[in-house]
PDB file of all heavy atoms in Angstrom:
ATOM      1  N   TYR A   1       5.887 -10.659  -1.091  1.00  0.00           N
ATOM      2  CA  TYR A   1       6.898  -9.846  -0.413  1.00  0.00           C
ATOM      3  C   TYR A   1       7.275  -8.606  -1.207  1.00  0.00           C
ATOM      4  O   TYR A   1       7.574  -7.560  -0.639  1.00  0.00           O
ATOM      5  CB  TYR A   1       8.146 -10.702  -0.147  1.00  0.00           C
ATOM      6  CG  TYR A   1       7.951 -11.793   0.881  1.00  0.00           C
ATOM      7  CD1 TYR A   1       8.928 -12.758   1.116  1.00  0.00           C
ATOM      8  CD2 TYR A   1       6.762 -11.885   1.608  1.00  0.00           C
ATOM      9  CE1 TYR A   1       8.738 -13.749   2.067  1.00  0.00           C
ATOM     10  CE2 TYR A   1       6.574 -12.887   2.533  1.00  0.00           C
ATOM     11  CZ  TYR A   1       7.567 -13.817   2.778  1.00  0.00           C
ATOM     12  OH  TYR A   1       7.368 -14.793   3.698  1.00  0.00           O
ATOM     13  N   ARG A   2       7.246  -8.731  -2.527  1.00  0.00           N
ATOM     14  CA  ARG A   2       7.576  -7.559  -3.377  1.00  0.00           C
ATOM     15  C   ARG A   2       6.518  -6.459  -3.174  1.00  0.00           C
ATOM     16  O   ARG A   2       6.850  -5.266  -3.079  1.00  0.00           O
ATOM     17  CB  ARG A   2       7.646  -7.947  -4.846  1.00  0.00           C
ATOM     18  CG  ARG A   2       7.979  -6.777  -5.773  1.00  0.00           C
ATOM     19  CD  ARG A   2       8.282  -7.267  -7.168  1.00  0.00           C
ATOM     20  NE  ARG A   2       7.100  -7.823  -7.820  1.00  0.00           N
ATOM     21  CZ  ARG A   2       6.150  -7.085  -8.411  1.00  0.00           C
ATOM     22  NH1 ARG A   2       6.248  -5.776  -8.414  1.00  0.00           N
ATOM     23  NH2 ARG A   2       5.123  -7.674  -8.989  1.00  0.00           N
ATOM     24  N   ILE A   3       5.248  -6.860  -3.083  1.00  0.00           N
ATOM     25  CA  ILE A   3       4.188  -5.894  -2.863  1.00  0.00           C
ATOM     26  C   ILE A   3       4.265  -5.289  -1.467  1.00  0.00           C
ATOM     27  O   ILE A   3       4.090  -4.088  -1.265  1.00  0.00           O
ATOM     28  CB  ILE A   3       2.809  -6.540  -3.100  1.00  0.00           C
ATOM     29  CG1 ILE A   3       2.671  -7.000  -4.552  1.00  0.00           C
ATOM     30  CG2 ILE A   3       1.685  -5.580  -2.744  1.00  0.00           C
ATOM     31  CD1 ILE A   3       2.833  -5.893  -5.577  1.00  0.00           C
ATOM     32  N   LEU A   4       4.583  -6.118  -0.462  1.00  0.00           N
ATOM     33  CA  LEU A   4       4.730  -5.608   0.900  1.00  0.00           C
ATOM     34  C   LEU A   4       5.869  -4.582   0.958  1.00  0.00           C
ATOM     35  O   LEU A   4       5.758  -3.576   1.654  1.00  0.00           O
ATOM     36  CB  LEU A   4       5.011  -6.742   1.876  1.00  0.00           C
ATOM     37  CG  LEU A   4       3.832  -7.656   2.209  1.00  0.00           C
ATOM     38  CD1 LEU A   4       4.271  -8.835   3.076  1.00  0.00           C
ATOM     39  CD2 LEU A   4       2.699  -6.883   2.904  1.00  0.00           C
ATOM     40  N   GLN A   5       6.962  -4.848   0.240  1.00  0.00           N
ATOM     41  CA  GLN A   5       8.069  -3.900   0.204  1.00  0.00           C
ATOM     42  C   GLN A   5       7.640  -2.593  -0.433  1.00  0.00           C
ATOM     43  O   GLN A   5       7.999  -1.496   0.023  1.00  0.00           O
ATOM     44  CB  GLN A   5       9.246  -4.491  -0.567  1.00  0.00           C
ATOM     45  CG  GLN A   5      10.492  -3.626  -0.578  1.00  0.00           C
ATOM     46  CD  GLN A   5      11.067  -3.440   0.828  1.00  0.00           C
ATOM     47  OE1 GLN A   5      11.293  -4.414   1.536  1.00  0.00           O
ATOM     48  NE2 GLN A   5      11.318  -2.204   1.210  1.00  0.00           N
ATOM     49  N   GLU A   6       6.823  -2.685  -1.484  1.00  0.00           N
ATOM     50  CA  GLU A   6       6.319  -1.481  -2.166  1.00  0.00           C
ATOM     51  C   GLU A   6       5.465  -0.663  -1.190  1.00  0.00           C
ATOM     52  O   GLU A   6       5.603   0.541  -1.095  1.00  0.00           O
ATOM     53  CB  GLU A   6       5.484  -1.866  -3.377  1.00  0.00           C
ATOM     54  CG  GLU A   6       4.856  -0.679  -4.083  1.00  0.00           C
ATOM     55  CD  GLU A   6       3.941  -1.120  -5.224  1.00  0.00           C
ATOM     56  OE1 GLU A   6       4.090  -2.242  -5.726  1.00  0.00           O
ATOM     57  OE2 GLU A   6       3.040  -0.330  -5.605  1.00  0.00           O
ATOM     58  N   TRP A   7       4.566  -1.337  -0.467  1.00  0.00           N
ATOM     59  CA  TRP A   7       3.701  -0.639   0.500  1.00  0.00           C
ATOM     60  C   TRP A   7       4.534  -0.008   1.607  1.00  0.00           C
ATOM     61  O   TRP A   7       4.243   1.105   2.057  1.00  0.00           O
ATOM     62  CB  TRP A   7       2.676  -1.617   1.081  1.00  0.00           C
ATOM     63  CG  TRP A   7       1.656  -2.066   0.087  1.00  0.00           C
ATOM     64  CD1 TRP A   7       1.434  -1.593  -1.176  1.00  0.00           C
ATOM     65  CD2 TRP A   7       0.721  -3.148   0.251  1.00  0.00           C
ATOM     66  NE1 TRP A   7       0.432  -2.287  -1.804  1.00  0.00           N
ATOM     67  CE2 TRP A   7      -0.033  -3.240  -0.947  1.00  0.00           C
ATOM     68  CE3 TRP A   7       0.448  -4.043   1.280  1.00  0.00           C
ATOM     69  CZ2 TRP A   7      -1.042  -4.160  -1.123  1.00  0.00           C
ATOM     70  CZ3 TRP A   7      -0.562  -4.984   1.102  1.00  0.00           C
ATOM     71  CH2 TRP A   7      -1.302  -5.054  -0.086  1.00  0.00           C
ATOM     72  N   LYS A   8       5.566  -0.721   2.053  1.00  0.00           N
ATOM     73  CA  LYS A   8       6.466  -0.173   3.086  1.00  0.00           C
ATOM     74  C   LYS A   8       7.170   1.059   2.584  1.00  0.00           C
ATOM     75  O   LYS A   8       7.276   2.079   3.283  1.00  0.00           O
ATOM     76  CB  LYS A   8       7.462  -1.238   3.521  1.00  0.00           C
ATOM     77  CG  LYS A   8       8.470  -0.762   4.558  1.00  0.00           C
ATOM     78  CD  LYS A   8       9.380  -1.896   4.953  1.00  0.00           C
ATOM     79  CE  LYS A   8      10.409  -1.441   5.983  1.00  0.00           C
ATOM     80  NZ  LYS A   8      11.371  -0.479   5.411  1.00  0.00           N
ATOM     81  N   ASP A   9       7.692   0.999   1.349  1.00  0.00           N
ATOM     82  CA  ASP A   9       8.379   2.128   0.756  1.00  0.00           C
ATOM     83  C   ASP A   9       7.481   3.355   0.603  1.00  0.00           C
ATOM     84  O   ASP A   9       7.938   4.508   0.684  1.00  0.00           O
ATOM     85  CB  ASP A   9       8.950   1.759  -0.602  1.00  0.00           C
ATOM     86  CG  ASP A   9      10.083   0.727  -0.502  1.00  0.00           C
ATOM     87  OD1 ASP A   9      10.622   0.589   0.618  1.00  0.00           O
ATOM     88  OD2 ASP A   9      10.397   0.082  -1.513  1.00  0.00           O
ATOM     89  N   LYS A  10       6.170   3.101   0.410  1.00  0.00           N
ATOM     90  CA  LYS A  10       5.202   4.187   0.265  1.00  0.00           C
ATOM     91  C   LYS A  10       4.747   4.740   1.627  1.00  0.00           C
ATOM     92  O   LYS A  10       3.975   5.687   1.681  1.00  0.00           O
ATOM     93  CB  LYS A  10       3.982   3.694  -0.524  1.00  0.00           C
ATOM     94  CG  LYS A  10       4.243   3.289  -1.972  1.00  0.00           C
ATOM     95  CD  LYS A  10       4.582   4.501  -2.850  1.00  0.00           C
ATOM     96  CE  LYS A  10       4.782   4.079  -4.274  1.00  0.00           C
ATOM     97  NZ  LYS A  10       5.112   5.240  -5.133  1.00  0.00           N
ATOM     98  N   GLY A  11       5.201   4.079   2.705  1.00  0.00           N
ATOM     99  CA  GLY A  11       4.810   4.554   4.042  1.00  0.00           C
ATOM    100  C   GLY A  11       3.421   4.105   4.450  1.00  0.00           C
ATOM    101  O   GLY A  11       2.819   4.717   5.352  1.00  0.00           O
ATOM    102  N   LEU A  12       2.898   3.037   3.825  1.00  0.00           N
ATOM    103  CA  LEU A  12       1.545   2.549   4.157  1.00  0.00           C
ATOM    104  C   LEU A  12       1.668   1.544   5.312  1.00  0.00           C
ATOM    105  O   LEU A  12       2.435   0.599   5.230  1.00  0.00           O
ATOM    106  CB  LEU A  12       0.936   1.858   2.937  1.00  0.00           C
ATOM    107  CG  LEU A  12       1.024   2.673   1.636  1.00  0.00           C
ATOM    108  CD1 LEU A  12       0.449   1.841   0.479  1.00  0.00           C
ATOM    109  CD2 LEU A  12       0.271   3.982   1.758  1.00  0.00           C
ATOM    110  N   LYS A  13       0.898   1.771   6.374  1.00  0.00           N
ATOM    111  CA  LYS A  13       1.074   0.915   7.561  1.00  0.00           C
ATOM    112  C   LYS A  13      -0.229   0.351   8.083  1.00  0.00           C
ATOM    113  O   LYS A  13      -0.215  -0.369   9.110  1.00  0.00           O
ATOM    114  CB  LYS A  13       1.778   1.704   8.670  1.00  0.00           C
ATOM    115  CG  LYS A  13       3.205   2.084   8.333  1.00  0.00           C
ATOM    116  CD  LYS A  13       3.895   2.753   9.516  1.00  0.00           C
ATOM    117  CE  LYS A  13       5.348   3.078   9.202  1.00  0.00           C
ATOM    118  NZ  LYS A  13       6.039   3.712  10.353  1.00  0.00           N
ATOM    119  N   ASP A  14      -1.398   0.676   7.497  1.00  0.00           N
ATOM    120  CA  ASP A  14      -2.630   0.117   7.982  1.00  0.00           C
ATOM    121  C   ASP A  14      -3.556  -0.192   6.811  1.00  0.00           C
ATOM    122  O   ASP A  14      -3.275   0.127   5.649  1.00  0.00           O
ATOM    123  CB  ASP A  14      -3.325   1.062   8.974  1.00  0.00           C
ATOM    124  CG  ASP A  14      -3.571   2.458   8.388  1.00  0.00           C
ATOM    125  OD1 ASP A  14      -4.075   2.548   7.259  1.00  0.00           O
ATOM    126  OD2 ASP A  14      -3.242   3.457   9.062  1.00  0.00           O
ATOM    127  N   VAL A  15      -4.667  -0.852   7.109  1.00  0.00           N
ATOM    128  CA  VAL A  15      -5.577  -1.323   6.063  1.00  0.00           C
ATOM    129  C   VAL A  15      -6.161  -0.176   5.252  1.00  0.00           C
ATOM    130  O   VAL A  15      -6.241  -0.257   4.026  1.00  0.00           O
ATOM    131  CB  VAL A  15      -6.716  -2.178   6.697  1.00  0.00           C
ATOM    132  CG1 VAL A  15      -7.774  -2.490   5.652  1.00  0.00           C
ATOM    133  CG2 VAL A  15      -6.151  -3.449   7.279  1.00  0.00           C
ATOM    134  N   ASP A  16      -6.558   0.894   5.929  1.00  0.00           N
ATOM    135  CA  ASP A  16      -7.176   2.008   5.205  1.00  0.00           C
ATOM    136  C   ASP A  16      -6.205   2.638   4.207  1.00  0.00           C
ATOM    137  O   ASP A  16      -6.560   2.929   3.064  1.00  0.00           O
ATOM    138  CB  ASP A  16      -7.668   3.072   6.197  1.00  0.00           C
ATOM    139  CG  ASP A  16      -8.883   2.614   6.981  1.00  0.00           C
ATOM    140  OD1 ASP A  16      -9.570   1.687   6.479  1.00  0.00           O
ATOM    141  OD2 ASP A  16      -9.155   3.153   8.049  1.00  0.00           O
ATOM    142  N   ALA A  17      -4.951   2.834   4.639  1.00  0.00           N
ATOM    143  CA  ALA A  17      -3.962   3.423   3.753  1.00  0.00           C
ATOM    144  C   ALA A  17      -3.672   2.544   2.555  1.00  0.00           C
ATOM    145  O   ALA A  17      -3.572   3.012   1.415  1.00  0.00           O
ATOM    146  CB  ALA A  17      -2.664   3.706   4.529  1.00  0.00           C
ATOM    147  N   VAL A  18      -3.548   1.222   2.819  1.00  0.00           N
ATOM    148  CA  VAL A  18      -3.295   0.292   1.728  1.00  0.00           C
ATOM    149  C   VAL A  18      -4.470   0.236   0.767  1.00  0.00           C
ATOM    150  O   VAL A  18      -4.317   0.238  -0.461  1.00  0.00           O
ATOM    151  CB  VAL A  18      -2.986  -1.117   2.276  1.00  0.00           C
ATOM    152  CG1 VAL A  18      -2.978  -2.152   1.180  1.00  0.00           C
ATOM    153  CG2 VAL A  18      -1.650  -1.125   3.018  1.00  0.00           C
ATOM    154  N   THR A  19      -5.692   0.203   1.313  1.00  0.00           N
ATOM    155  CA  THR A  19      -6.906   0.125   0.478  1.00  0.00           C
ATOM    156  C   THR A  19      -6.999   1.358  -0.427  1.00  0.00           C
ATOM    157  O   THR A  19      -7.293   1.242  -1.618  1.00  0.00           O
ATOM    158  CB  THR A  19      -8.155   0.019   1.351  1.00  0.00           C
ATOM    159  OG1 THR A  19      -8.066  -1.178   2.132  1.00  0.00           O
ATOM    160  CG2 THR A  19      -9.401  -0.053   0.483  1.00  0.00           C
ATOM    161  N   ASP A  20      -6.776   2.534   0.126  1.00  0.00           N
ATOM    162  CA  ASP A  20      -6.839   3.758  -0.663  1.00  0.00           C
ATOM    163  C   ASP A  20      -5.794   3.747  -1.771  1.00  0.00           C
ATOM    164  O   ASP A  20      -6.050   4.149  -2.903  1.00  0.00           O
ATOM    165  CB  ASP A  20      -6.631   5.005   0.241  1.00  0.00           C
ATOM    166  CG  ASP A  20      -7.789   5.229   1.189  1.00  0.00           C
ATOM    167  OD1 ASP A  20      -8.868   4.694   0.929  1.00  0.00           O
ATOM    168  OD2 ASP A  20      -7.614   5.964   2.168  1.00  0.00           O
ATOM    169  N   TYR A  21      -4.589   3.266  -1.437  1.00  0.00           N
ATOM    170  CA  TYR A  21      -3.515   3.207  -2.425  1.00  0.00           C
ATOM    171  C   TYR A  21      -3.858   2.225  -3.548  1.00  0.00           C
ATOM    172  O   TYR A  21      -3.671   2.529  -4.731  1.00  0.00           O
ATOM    173  CB  TYR A  21      -2.210   2.809  -1.737  1.00  0.00           C
ATOM    174  CG  TYR A  21      -1.054   2.590  -2.658  1.00  0.00           C
ATOM    175  CD1 TYR A  21      -0.438   3.653  -3.296  1.00  0.00           C
ATOM    176  CD2 TYR A  21      -0.553   1.304  -2.906  1.00  0.00           C
ATOM    177  CE1 TYR A  21       0.649   3.453  -4.136  1.00  0.00           C
ATOM    178  CE2 TYR A  21       0.507   1.105  -3.757  1.00  0.00           C
ATOM    179  CZ  TYR A  21       1.135   2.181  -4.365  1.00  0.00           C
ATOM    180  OH  TYR A  21       2.185   1.986  -5.207  1.00  0.00           O
ATOM    181  N   VAL A  22      -4.390   1.039  -3.168  1.00  0.00           N
ATOM    182  CA  VAL A  22      -4.749   0.025  -4.164  1.00  0.00           C
ATOM    183  C   VAL A  22      -5.847   0.520  -5.086  1.00  0.00           C
ATOM    184  O   VAL A  22      -5.801   0.375  -6.312  1.00  0.00           O
ATOM    185  CB  VAL A  22      -5.187  -1.270  -3.467  1.00  0.00           C
ATOM    186  CG1 VAL A  22      -5.807  -2.243  -4.466  1.00  0.00           C
ATOM    187  CG2 VAL A  22      -3.983  -1.939  -2.790  1.00  0.00           C
ATOM    188  N   GLU A  23      -6.874   1.166  -4.494  1.00  0.00           N
ATOM    189  CA  GLU A  23      -7.971   1.671  -5.302  1.00  0.00           C
ATOM    190  C   GLU A  23      -7.512   2.777  -6.254  1.00  0.00           C
ATOM    191  O   GLU A  23      -7.958   2.849  -7.408  1.00  0.00           O
ATOM    192  CB  GLU A  23      -9.092   2.181  -4.396  1.00  0.00           C
ATOM    193  CG  GLU A  23      -9.822   1.105  -3.662  1.00  0.00           C
ATOM    194  CD  GLU A  23     -10.963   1.644  -2.802  1.00  0.00           C
ATOM    195  OE1 GLU A  23     -11.059   2.887  -2.666  1.00  0.00           O
ATOM    196  OE2 GLU A  23     -11.771   0.832  -2.326  1.00  0.00           O
ATOM    197  N   ALA A  24      -6.585   3.608  -5.777  1.00  0.00           N
ATOM    198  CA  ALA A  24      -6.065   4.691  -6.648  1.00  0.00           C
ATOM    199  C   ALA A  24      -5.266   4.104  -7.815  1.00  0.00           C
ATOM    200  O   ALA A  24      -5.391   4.562  -8.948  1.00  0.00           O
ATOM    201  CB  ALA A  24      -5.179   5.615  -5.849  1.00  0.00           C
ATOM    202  N   ARG A  25      -4.480   3.072  -7.569  1.00  0.00           N
ATOM    203  CA  ARG A  25      -3.720   2.432  -8.635  1.00  0.00           C
ATOM    204  C   ARG A  25      -4.629   1.732  -9.656  1.00  0.00           C
ATOM    205  O   ARG A  25      -4.427   1.840 -10.843  1.00  0.00           O
ATOM    206  CB  ARG A  25      -2.733   1.408  -8.045  1.00  0.00           C
ATOM    207  CG  ARG A  25      -1.583   2.032  -7.284  1.00  0.00           C
ATOM    208  CD  ARG A  25      -0.465   1.029  -7.088  1.00  0.00           C
ATOM    209  NE  ARG A  25       0.093   0.629  -8.343  1.00  0.00           N
ATOM    210  CZ  ARG A  25       1.064  -0.276  -8.472  1.00  0.00           C
ATOM    211  NH1 ARG A  25       1.562  -0.853  -7.415  1.00  0.00           N
ATOM    212  NH2 ARG A  25       1.515  -0.621  -9.667  1.00  0.00           N
ATOM    213  N   GLU A  26      -5.635   1.036  -9.132  1.00  0.00           N
ATOM    214  CA  GLU A  26      -6.551   0.342 -10.027  1.00  0.00           C
ATOM    215  C   GLU A  26      -7.377   1.318 -10.837  1.00  0.00           C
ATOM    216  O   GLU A  26      -7.745   1.043 -11.970  1.00  0.00           O
ATOM    217  CB  GLU A  26      -7.419  -0.615  -9.231  1.00  0.00           C
ATOM    218  CG  GLU A  26      -6.655  -1.790  -8.647  1.00  0.00           C
ATOM    219  CD  GLU A  26      -7.520  -2.717  -7.830  1.00  0.00           C
ATOM    220  OE1 GLU A  26      -8.661  -2.310  -7.540  1.00  0.00           O
ATOM    221  OE2 GLU A  26      -7.041  -3.790  -7.477  1.00  0.00           O
TER     222      GLU A  26
END
């Protein structure tokens, strides 16, 4: 839930946006 809240705060709403964000962080 903490990670979902982080993604929500970043305005990420679909798989592509989340994947790009995760890859950038890693």
